[in-house]
C-alpha atoms as a PDB file:
ATOM      1  CA  MET A   1     -70.265  22.439 -15.796  1.00  0.00           C
ATOM      2  CA  THR A   2     -69.466  23.167 -12.166  1.00  0.00           C
ATOM      3  CA  GLN A   3     -70.897  19.898 -10.860  1.00  0.00           C
ATOM      4  CA  LEU A   4     -69.569  16.512 -11.849  1.00  0.00           C
ATOM      5  CA  PRO A   5     -71.803  14.736 -14.393  1.00  0.00           C
ATOM      6  CA  GLY A   6     -74.269  12.346 -12.802  1.00  0.00           C
ATOM      7  CA  ILE A   7     -74.368   8.853 -14.305  1.00  0.00           C
ATOM      8  CA  VAL A   8     -77.010   6.121 -14.044  1.00  0.00           C
ATOM      9  CA  VAL A   9     -76.115   2.451 -14.458  1.00  0.00           C
ATOM     10  CA  THR A  10     -78.756   0.115 -15.883  1.00  0.00           C
ATOM     11  CA  GLY A  11     -78.620  -3.615 -15.256  1.00  0.00           C
ATOM     12  CA  ALA A  12     -76.941  -2.734 -11.972  1.00  0.00           C
ATOM     13  CA  SER A  13     -76.818  -6.290 -10.607  1.00  0.00           C
ATOM     14  CA  GLY A  14     -74.886  -7.720 -13.563  1.00  0.00           C
ATOM     15  CA  ARG A  15     -71.133  -8.139 -13.635  1.00  0.00           C
ATOM     16  CA  MET A  16     -70.646  -5.082 -15.818  1.00  0.00           C
ATOM     17  CA  GLY A  17     -73.258  -3.130 -13.874  1.00  0.00           C
ATOM     18  CA  GLN A  18     -71.495  -3.712 -10.571  1.00  0.00           C
ATOM     19  CA  MET A  19     -68.087  -2.950 -12.036  1.00  0.00           C
ATOM     20  CA  LEU A  20     -69.386   0.281 -13.553  1.00  0.00           C
ATOM     21  CA  ALA A  21     -71.027   1.293 -10.277  1.00  0.00           C
ATOM     22  CA  ARG A  22     -67.787   0.814  -8.363  1.00  0.00           C
ATOM     23  CA  MET A  23     -65.701   2.610 -10.978  1.00  0.00           C
ATOM     24  CA  ILE A  24     -68.040   5.603 -11.237  1.00  0.00           C
ATOM     25  CA  GLY A  25     -68.358   5.746  -7.452  1.00  0.00           C
ATOM     26  CA  GLU A  26     -64.563   5.981  -7.135  1.00  0.00           C
ATOM     27  CA  SER A  27     -64.144   8.462  -9.988  1.00  0.00           C
ATOM     28  CA  ASP A  28     -63.161  12.076  -9.420  1.00  0.00           C
ATOM     29  CA  LYS A  29     -64.756  13.029 -12.758  1.00  0.00           C
ATOM     30  CA  ALA A  30     -68.322  11.731 -12.361  1.00  0.00           C
ATOM     31  CA  ARG A  31     -71.008  10.913  -9.776  1.00  0.00           C
ATOM     32  CA  LEU A  32     -73.066   7.741  -9.492  1.00  0.00           C
ATOM     33  CA  VAL A  33     -76.626   9.026  -9.137  1.00  0.00           C
ATOM     34  CA  GLY A  34     -78.822   6.072 -10.057  1.00  0.00           C
ATOM     35  CA  ALA A  35     -79.080   2.314 -10.522  1.00  0.00           C
ATOM     36  CA  VAL A  36     -81.809   0.567 -12.504  1.00  0.00           C
ATOM     37  CA  GLU A  37     -82.964  -3.050 -12.425  1.00  0.00           C
ATOM     38  CA  ARG A  38     -85.961  -4.863 -13.866  1.00  0.00           C
ATOM     39  CA  THR A  39     -89.263  -4.925 -11.988  1.00  0.00           C
ATOM     40  CA  GLY A  40     -89.348  -7.784  -9.494  1.00  0.00           C
ATOM     41  CA  HIS A  41     -85.585  -8.017  -9.098  1.00  0.00           C
ATOM     42  CA  PRO A  42     -84.629  -8.580  -5.431  1.00  0.00           C
ATOM     43  CA  TRP A  43     -82.269  -5.593  -5.466  1.00  0.00           C
ATOM     44  CA  VAL A  44     -85.056  -3.098  -6.208  1.00  0.00           C
ATOM     45  CA  GLY A  45     -85.563  -0.850  -3.192  1.00  0.00           C
ATOM     46  CA  GLN A  46     -82.174  -1.644  -1.673  1.00  0.00           C
ATOM     47  CA  ASP A  47     -79.150   0.609  -1.445  1.00  0.00           C
ATOM     48  CA  LEU A  48     -76.859  -0.398  -4.311  1.00  0.00           C
ATOM     49  CA  GLY A  49     -73.745  -0.608  -2.156  1.00  0.00           C
ATOM     50  CA  VAL A  50     -75.446  -2.870   0.377  1.00  0.00           C
ATOM     51  CA  ALA A  51     -76.932  -5.032  -2.401  1.00  0.00           C
ATOM     52  CA  MET A  52     -73.415  -5.514  -3.796  1.00  0.00           C
ATOM     53  CA  GLY A  53     -72.226  -6.637  -0.371  1.00  0.00           C
ATOM     54  CA  GLY A  54     -70.376  -3.469   0.583  1.00  0.00           C
ATOM     55  CA  ALA A  55     -70.870  -0.116   2.281  1.00  0.00           C
ATOM     56  CA  ARG A  56     -73.836   2.140   1.602  1.00  0.00           C
ATOM     57  CA  LEU A  57     -73.579   4.306  -1.507  1.00  0.00           C
ATOM     58  CA  ASP A  58     -76.800   6.239  -0.879  1.00  0.00           C
ATOM     59  CA  VAL A  59     -77.924   5.174  -4.359  1.00  0.00           C
ATOM     60  CA  PRO A  60     -81.191   3.213  -4.265  1.00  0.00           C
ATOM     61  CA  VAL A  61     -81.872   0.575  -6.901  1.00  0.00           C
ATOM     62  CA  THR A  62     -85.063   1.422  -8.768  1.00  0.00           C
ATOM     63  CA  ASP A  63     -87.208  -0.215 -11.430  1.00  0.00           C
ATOM     64  CA  ASP A  64     -88.328   3.228 -12.652  1.00  0.00           C
ATOM     65  CA  PRO A  65     -85.711   4.394 -15.170  1.00  0.00           C
ATOM     66  CA  LEU A  66     -87.413   7.739 -15.723  1.00  0.00           C
ATOM     67  CA  GLU A  67     -87.018   8.542 -12.029  1.00  0.00           C
ATOM     68  CA  ALA A  68     -83.315   7.716 -12.163  1.00  0.00           C
ATOM     69  CA  PHE A  69     -82.696   9.514 -15.455  1.00  0.00           C
ATOM     70  CA  ALA A  70     -84.278  12.738 -14.178  1.00  0.00           C
ATOM     71  CA  GLN A  71     -81.256  13.470 -11.973  1.00  0.00           C
ATOM     72  CA  ALA A  72     -78.534  12.417 -14.408  1.00  0.00           C
ATOM     73  CA  GLN A  73     -76.507  13.666 -17.368  1.00  0.00           C
ATOM     74  CA  ALA A  74     -75.607  10.221 -18.725  1.00  0.00           C
ATOM     75  CA  VAL A  75     -76.670   6.585 -18.609  1.00  0.00           C
ATOM     76  CA  VAL A  76     -74.401   3.602 -19.174  1.00  0.00           C
ATOM     77  CA  ASP A  77     -76.304   0.621 -20.486  1.00  0.00           C
ATOM     78  CA  PHE A  78     -74.995  -2.957 -20.746  1.00  0.00           C
ATOM     79  CA  THR A  79     -78.290  -4.845 -20.707  1.00  0.00           C
ATOM     80  CA  ALA A  80     -80.280  -6.590 -23.456  1.00  0.00           C
ATOM     81  CA  PRO A  81     -81.674  -5.255 -26.751  1.00  0.00           C
ATOM     82  CA  ALA A  82     -85.304  -5.125 -25.592  1.00  0.00           C
ATOM     83  CA  ALA A  83     -84.367  -3.176 -22.443  1.00  0.00           C
ATOM     84  CA  THR A  84     -82.046  -0.828 -24.330  1.00  0.00           C
ATOM     85  CA  LEU A  85     -84.813   0.022 -26.819  1.00  0.00           C
ATOM     86  CA  GLU A  86     -86.944   1.221 -23.904  1.00  0.00           C
ATOM     87  CA  PHE A  87     -84.096   3.067 -22.202  1.00  0.00           C
ATOM     88  CA  VAL A  88     -83.099   4.897 -25.395  1.00  0.00           C
ATOM     89  CA  LYS A  89     -86.487   6.604 -25.642  1.00  0.00           C
ATOM     90  CA  LEU A  90     -86.391   7.805 -22.033  1.00  0.00           C
ATOM     91  CA  ALA A  91     -82.745   8.887 -22.266  1.00  0.00           C
ATOM     92  CA  ALA A  92     -83.541  10.943 -25.370  1.00  0.00           C
ATOM     93  CA  GLN A  93     -86.467  12.621 -23.611  1.00  0.00           C
ATOM     94  CA  ALA A  94     -84.142  13.566 -20.759  1.00  0.00           C
ATOM     95  CA  ARG A  95     -81.377  14.609 -23.237  1.00  0.00           C
ATOM     96  CA  LEU A  96     -78.878  12.269 -21.594  1.00  0.00           C
ATOM     97  CA  VAL A  97     -75.696  10.906 -23.099  1.00  0.00           C
ATOM     98  CA  HIS A  98     -76.592   7.242 -23.649  1.00  0.00           C
ATOM     99  CA  VAL A  99     -73.605   4.908 -23.718  1.00  0.00           C
ATOM    100  CA  ILE A 100     -74.721   1.551 -25.113  1.00  0.00           C
ATOM    101  CA  GLY A 101     -72.564  -1.515 -24.615  1.00  0.00           C
ATOM    102  CA  THR A 102     -75.471  -3.887 -25.228  1.00  0.00           C
ATOM    103  CA  THR A 103     -74.881  -6.393 -28.023  1.00  0.00           C
ATOM    104  CA  GLY A 104     -77.027  -8.859 -29.947  1.00  0.00           C
ATOM    105  CA  PHE A 105     -79.211  -6.324 -31.795  1.00  0.00           C
ATOM    106  CA  THR A 106     -81.016  -7.260 -35.002  1.00  0.00           C
ATOM    107  CA  GLU A 107     -80.882  -4.851 -37.938  1.00  0.00           C
ATOM    108  CA  GLU A 108     -84.460  -3.789 -37.141  1.00  0.00           C
ATOM    109  CA  GLU A 109     -83.536  -3.062 -33.521  1.00  0.00           C
ATOM    110  CA  LEU A 110     -80.523  -1.011 -34.580  1.00  0.00           C
ATOM    111  CA  ALA A 111     -82.776   1.024 -36.875  1.00  0.00           C
ATOM    112  CA  ALA A 112     -85.124   1.630 -33.943  1.00  0.00           C
ATOM    113  CA  LEU A 113     -82.302   3.348 -32.028  1.00  0.00           C
ATOM    114  CA  LYS A 114     -81.810   6.010 -34.686  1.00  0.00           C
ATOM    115  CA  PRO A 115     -84.758   8.359 -33.907  1.00  0.00           C
ATOM    116  CA  ALA A 116     -83.407   8.974 -30.395  1.00  0.00           C
ATOM    117  CA  ALA A 117     -80.102  10.230 -31.840  1.00  0.00           C
ATOM    118  CA  ARG A 118     -81.914  13.266 -33.221  1.00  0.00           C
ATOM    119  CA  HIS A 119     -82.389  14.477 -29.649  1.00  0.00           C
ATOM    120  CA  ALA A 120     -79.500  13.039 -27.645  1.00  0.00           C
ATOM    121  CA  VAL A 121     -75.946  11.759 -27.859  1.00  0.00           C
ATOM    122  CA  ILE A 122     -75.749   8.004 -28.346  1.00  0.00           C
ATOM    123  CA  VAL A 123     -72.383   6.272 -28.114  1.00  0.00           C
ATOM    124  CA  ARG A 124     -72.782   2.631 -29.127  1.00  0.00           C
ATOM    125  CA  ALA A 125     -69.977   0.124 -29.508  1.00  0.00           C
ATOM    126  CA  GLY A 126     -69.666  -3.639 -29.435  1.00  0.00           C
ATOM    127  CA  ASN A 127     -66.488  -3.108 -27.432  1.00  0.00           C
ATOM    128  CA  MET A 128     -65.329  -0.112 -25.409  1.00  0.00           C
ATOM    129  CA  SER A 129     -61.602  -0.892 -25.188  1.00  0.00           C
ATOM    130  CA  LEU A 130     -58.814   1.119 -26.830  1.00  0.00           C
ATOM    131  CA  GLY A 131     -57.058  -2.039 -27.987  1.00  0.00           C
ATOM    132  CA  VAL A 132     -60.080  -3.499 -29.744  1.00  0.00           C
ATOM    133  CA  ASN A 133     -60.834  -0.257 -31.528  1.00  0.00           C
ATOM    134  CA  LEU A 134     -57.240  -0.105 -32.729  1.00  0.00           C
ATOM    135  CA  LEU A 135     -57.715  -3.691 -33.928  1.00  0.00           C
ATOM    136  CA  VAL A 136     -60.797  -2.600 -35.871  1.00  0.00           C
ATOM    137  CA  GLN A 137     -58.767   0.055 -37.671  1.00  0.00           C
ATOM    138  CA  LEU A 138     -55.939  -2.385 -38.414  1.00  0.00           C
ATOM    139  CA  THR A 139     -58.412  -4.973 -39.731  1.00  0.00           C
ATOM    140  CA  LYS A 140     -59.860  -2.454 -42.153  1.00  0.00           C
ATOM    141  CA  ARG A 141     -56.424  -1.508 -43.465  1.00  0.00           C
ATOM    142  CA  VAL A 142     -55.168  -5.082 -43.849  1.00  0.00           C
ATOM    143  CA  ALA A 143     -58.390  -6.156 -45.583  1.00  0.00           C
ATOM    144  CA  ALA A 144     -58.012  -3.264 -48.006  1.00  0.00           C
ATOM    145  CA  ALA A 145     -54.411  -4.260 -48.769  1.00  0.00           C
ATOM    146  CA  LEU A 146     -55.119  -7.948 -49.454  1.00  0.00           C
ATOM    147  CA  ASP A 147     -57.198  -9.385 -52.277  1.00  0.00           C
ATOM    148  CA  GLU A 148     -59.726 -12.224 -52.194  1.00  0.00           C
ATOM    149  CA  ASP A 149     -56.973 -14.823 -52.364  1.00  0.00           C
ATOM    150  CA  PHE A 150     -56.798 -14.217 -48.614  1.00  0.00           C
ATOM    151  CA  ASP A 151     -59.757 -15.748 -46.763  1.00  0.00           C
ATOM    152  CA  ILE A 152     -60.885 -13.798 -43.693  1.00  0.00           C
ATOM    153  CA  GLU A 153     -61.993 -15.514 -40.485  1.00  0.00           C
ATOM    154  CA  VAL A 154     -63.044 -13.777 -37.265  1.00  0.00           C
ATOM    155  CA  ILE A 155     -62.557 -16.101 -34.294  1.00  0.00           C
ATOM    156  CA  GLU A 156     -63.860 -15.079 -30.885  1.00  0.00           C
ATOM    157  CA  ALA A 157     -63.956 -16.650 -27.413  1.00  0.00           C
ATOM    158  CA  HIS A 158     -66.025 -15.641 -24.380  1.00  0.00           C
ATOM    159  CA  HIS A 159     -67.249 -16.996 -21.048  1.00  0.00           C
ATOM    160  CA  ASN A 160     -69.957 -19.627 -20.887  1.00  0.00           C
ATOM    161  CA  ARG A 161     -72.687 -17.176 -19.803  1.00  0.00           C
ATOM    162  CA  LYS A 162     -72.561 -14.981 -22.892  1.00  0.00           C
ATOM    163  CA  VAL A 163     -75.902 -15.221 -24.677  1.00  0.00           C
ATOM    164  CA  ASP A 164     -75.186 -13.858 -28.185  1.00  0.00           C
ATOM    165  CA  ALA A 165     -72.905 -15.069 -30.950  1.00  0.00           C
ATOM    166  CA  PRO A 166     -70.990 -13.847 -32.827  1.00  0.00           C
ATOM    167  CA  SER A 167     -70.013 -11.264 -30.241  1.00  0.00           C
ATOM    168  CA  GLY A 168     -70.582  -7.586 -30.870  1.00  0.00           C
ATOM    169  CA  THR A 169     -66.830  -7.165 -31.160  1.00  0.00           C
ATOM    170  CA  ALA A 170     -66.581  -9.937 -33.742  1.00  0.00           C
ATOM    171  CA  LEU A 171     -69.257  -8.221 -35.804  1.00  0.00           C
ATOM    172  CA  MET A 172     -67.376  -4.911 -35.504  1.00  0.00           C
ATOM    173  CA  LEU A 173     -64.288  -6.661 -36.875  1.00  0.00           C
ATOM    174  CA  GLY A 174     -66.300  -8.299 -39.639  1.00  0.00           C
ATOM    175  CA  GLU A 175     -67.751  -4.931 -40.620  1.00  0.00           C
ATOM    176  CA  ALA A 176     -64.248  -3.453 -40.676  1.00  0.00           C
ATOM    177  CA  ALA A 177     -62.997  -6.256 -42.916  1.00  0.00           C
ATOM    178  CA  ALA A 178     -65.981  -5.839 -45.238  1.00  0.00           C
ATOM    179  CA  GLU A 179     -65.483  -2.079 -45.406  1.00  0.00           C
ATOM    180  CA  GLY A 180     -61.810  -2.569 -46.212  1.00  0.00           C
ATOM    181  CA  ARG A 181     -62.790  -4.948 -49.009  1.00  0.00           C
ATOM    182  CA  GLY A 182     -65.543  -2.648 -50.252  1.00  0.00           C
ATOM    183  CA  VAL A 183     -68.285  -5.241 -49.791  1.00  0.00           C
ATOM    184  CA  SER A 184     -71.409  -5.708 -47.665  1.00  0.00           C
ATOM    185  CA  LEU A 185     -70.969  -7.901 -44.601  1.00  0.00           C
ATOM    186  CA  ASP A 186     -74.636  -8.938 -44.825  1.00  0.00           C
ATOM    187  CA  GLN A 187     -73.942 -10.457 -48.232  1.00  0.00           C
ATOM    188  CA  MET A 188     -70.506 -11.932 -47.498  1.00  0.00           C
ATOM    189  CA  ALA A 189     -70.772 -13.223 -43.901  1.00  0.00           C
ATOM    190  CA  ASP A 190     -70.589 -16.951 -43.181  1.00  0.00           C
ATOM    191  CA  ARG A 191     -71.835 -17.316 -39.611  1.00  0.00           C
ATOM    192  CA  GLY A 192     -72.205 -21.070 -39.305  1.00  0.00           C
ATOM    193  CA  ARG A 193     -70.829 -24.279 -40.751  1.00  0.00           C
ATOM    194  CA  ASP A 194     -72.077 -27.762 -40.006  1.00  0.00           C
ATOM    195  CA  GLY A 195     -72.161 -30.960 -42.027  1.00  0.00           C
ATOM    196  CA  ILE A 196     -71.257 -31.167 -45.708  1.00  0.00           C
ATOM    197  CA  THR A 197     -70.977 -27.478 -46.483  1.00  0.00           C
ATOM    198  CA  GLY A 198     -68.987 -27.636 -49.684  1.00  0.00           C
ATOM    199  CA  ALA A 199     -65.913 -25.553 -50.441  1.00  0.00           C
ATOM    200  CA  ARG A 200     -65.591 -22.099 -49.015  1.00  0.00           C
ATOM    201  CA  THR A 201     -67.057 -19.334 -51.178  1.00  0.00           C
ATOM    202  CA  LYS A 202     -64.354 -16.936 -52.304  1.00  0.00           C
ATOM    203  CA  GLY A 203     -64.555 -13.573 -50.592  1.00  0.00           C
ATOM    204  CA  GLN A 204     -66.694 -14.678 -47.668  1.00  0.00           C
ATOM    205  CA  ILE A 205     -65.924 -13.424 -44.153  1.00  0.00           C
ATOM    206  CA  GLY A 206     -66.279 -16.296 -41.707  1.00  0.00           C
ATOM    207  CA  PHE A 207     -67.118 -16.260 -37.989  1.00  0.00           C
ATOM    208  CA  SER A 208     -66.344 -18.831 -35.310  1.00  0.00           C
ATOM    209  CA  ALA A 209     -67.513 -18.552 -31.674  1.00  0.00           C
ATOM    210  CA  ILE A 210     -66.049 -20.329 -28.647  1.00  0.00           C
ATOM    211  CA  ARG A 211     -67.844 -20.317 -25.276  1.00  0.00           C
ATOM    212  CA  GLY A 212     -66.277 -21.651 -22.101  1.00  0.00           C
ATOM    213  CA  GLY A 213     -65.255 -20.983 -18.521  1.00  0.00           C
ATOM    214  CA  ASP A 214     -64.587 -17.412 -17.519  1.00  0.00           C
ATOM    215  CA  ILE A 215     -62.911 -16.139 -20.709  1.00  0.00           C
ATOM    216  CA  VAL A 216     -63.250 -12.348 -20.667  1.00  0.00           C
ATOM    217  CA  GLY A 217     -62.801 -11.876 -24.400  1.00  0.00           C
ATOM    218  CA  GLU A 218     -60.406 -12.995 -27.128  1.00  0.00           C
ATOM    219  CA  HIS A 219     -60.634 -11.945 -30.777  1.00  0.00           C
ATOM    220  CA  ASP A 220     -58.516 -13.008 -33.739  1.00  0.00           C
ATOM    221  CA  VAL A 221     -58.809 -11.850 -37.325  1.00  0.00           C
ATOM    222  CA  LEU A 222     -57.155 -14.412 -39.579  1.00  0.00           C
ATOM    223  CA  PHE A 223     -56.143 -13.602 -43.152  1.00  0.00           C
ATOM    224  CA  ALA A 224     -55.289 -16.954 -44.728  1.00  0.00           C
ATOM    225  CA  GLY A 225     -53.693 -16.852 -48.168  1.00  0.00           C
ATOM    226  CA  PRO A 226     -51.697 -19.207 -50.349  1.00  0.00           C
ATOM    227  CA  GLY A 227     -48.523 -20.052 -48.474  1.00  0.00           C
ATOM    228  CA  GLU A 228     -48.947 -17.548 -45.639  1.00  0.00           C
ATOM    229  CA  ARG A 229     -51.259 -16.398 -42.836  1.00  0.00           C
ATOM    230  CA  ILE A 230     -51.591 -13.099 -41.000  1.00  0.00           C
ATOM    231  CA  THR A 231     -53.319 -12.977 -37.597  1.00  0.00           C
ATOM    232  CA  LEU A 232     -54.365  -9.836 -35.756  1.00  0.00           C
ATOM    233  CA  ARG A 233     -55.221 -10.529 -32.109  1.00  0.00           C
ATOM    234  CA  HIS A 234     -56.636  -8.878 -28.996  1.00  0.00           C
ATOM    235  CA  VAL A 235     -56.956 -10.558 -25.600  1.00  0.00           C
ATOM    236  CA  ALA A 236     -58.865  -8.958 -22.728  1.00  0.00           C
ATOM    237  CA  SER A 237     -57.896 -10.217 -19.281  1.00  0.00           C
ATOM    238  CA  ASP A 238     -59.721  -7.609 -17.199  1.00  0.00           C
ATOM    239  CA  ARG A 239     -63.377  -6.675 -17.710  1.00  0.00           C
ATOM    240  CA  GLY A 240     -62.550  -3.328 -16.113  1.00  0.00           C
ATOM    241  CA  LEU A 241     -61.173  -2.073 -19.429  1.00  0.00           C
ATOM    242  CA  PHE A 242     -64.737  -2.078 -20.833  1.00  0.00           C
ATOM    243  CA  ALA A 243     -66.012  -0.122 -17.831  1.00  0.00           C
ATOM    244  CA  ARG A 244     -63.213   2.425 -18.171  1.00  0.00           C
ATOM    245  CA  GLY A 245     -64.048   2.893 -21.843  1.00  0.00           C
ATOM    246  CA  ALA A 246     -67.748   3.329 -21.086  1.00  0.00           C
ATOM    247  CA  LEU A 247     -67.049   5.956 -18.431  1.00  0.00           C
ATOM    248  CA  ARG A 248     -64.743   7.766 -20.837  1.00  0.00           C
ATOM    249  CA  ALA A 249     -67.529   7.756 -23.442  1.00  0.00           C
ATOM    250  CA  ALA A 250     -70.075   9.139 -20.970  1.00  0.00           C
ATOM    251  CA  LEU A 251     -67.769  12.046 -20.119  1.00  0.00           C
ATOM    252  CA  TRP A 252     -66.733  12.651 -23.738  1.00  0.00           C
ATOM    253  CA  GLY A 253     -70.344  13.015 -24.838  1.00  0.00           C
ATOM    254  CA  GLN A 254     -71.225  15.808 -22.432  1.00  0.00           C
ATOM    255  CA  ASP A 255     -70.532  18.662 -24.855  1.00  0.00           C
ATOM    256  CA  LYS A 256     -71.332  16.902 -28.133  1.00  0.00           C
ATOM    257  CA  ALA A 257     -74.230  17.557 -30.485  1.00  0.00           C
ATOM    258  CA  PRO A 258     -77.017  14.957 -30.696  1.00  0.00           C
ATOM    259  CA  GLY A 259     -76.151  12.067 -32.968  1.00  0.00           C
ATOM    260  CA  GLU A 260     -74.802   8.535 -33.201  1.00  0.00           C
ATOM    261  CA  TYR A 261     -71.172   8.016 -32.235  1.00  0.00           C
ATOM    262  CA  ASP A 262     -68.866   5.087 -31.541  1.00  0.00           C
ATOM    263  CA  MET A 263     -65.638   4.497 -29.660  1.00  0.00           C
ATOM    264  CA  ILE A 264     -63.600   5.449 -32.704  1.00  0.00           C
ATOM    265  CA  ASP A 265     -65.015   8.965 -32.213  1.00  0.00           C
ATOM    266  CA  VAL A 266     -64.453   8.902 -28.447  1.00  0.00           C
ATOM    267  CA  LEU A 267     -60.848   7.736 -28.772  1.00  0.00           C
ATOM    268  CA  GLY A 268     -60.050  10.080 -31.664  1.00  0.00           C
ATOM    269  CA  LEU A 269     -58.993   7.216 -33.928  1.00  0.00           C
END
């Protein structure tokens, strides 16, 4: 490809959207060619750079994703499940690489993403960072090495504006632990405790969510056994690491066959 890949950012006014726009705009490997916001948003019709309080970027904010996608090779999408389900259809029609950082999907919504992967590259991950994806691999290996005498708890903390719990990353870690144990997370997850719950069920994988302040993201996987505990931990202090991972995924997908991928594929782990 002689021209740098053009990338569209959806949810352009959000914290991740703005960070992605700045990072892509400064990149020497990609071009920012579009910005999408919901109909009625005050940024629609404005230049994205001006709307963000900076210099012009010559990228207008639009509420017509098809218009934006028509001039792109990839779309990076950190929005909400309902919006992503609409974007995935349009991205597949345009044969774009669709990088999905949206979290909070139901099983039915995840299934609804699959038809688009027959026509386009979809890279979806609950977390785009190298460190977290290494943690996923380590969690799988430790879970496989320890028996059910070790209880597994996934403990996560995020800022007070996060709307879904457990986080997408926590669910990735829970899935890794379940895979290592050879069980189904759907059957073994304990996602809430309140009141007189009784003793813990052996083999369950527990989740705890903390919300407060401006915490970027902290994830611990605790293996608690008789007489000893093992904790695997990742702390994110800069949201930019997620944007860098998403940009890397958008570039990685340019020469790949249609299908569903994750950051383990992108990072070669």
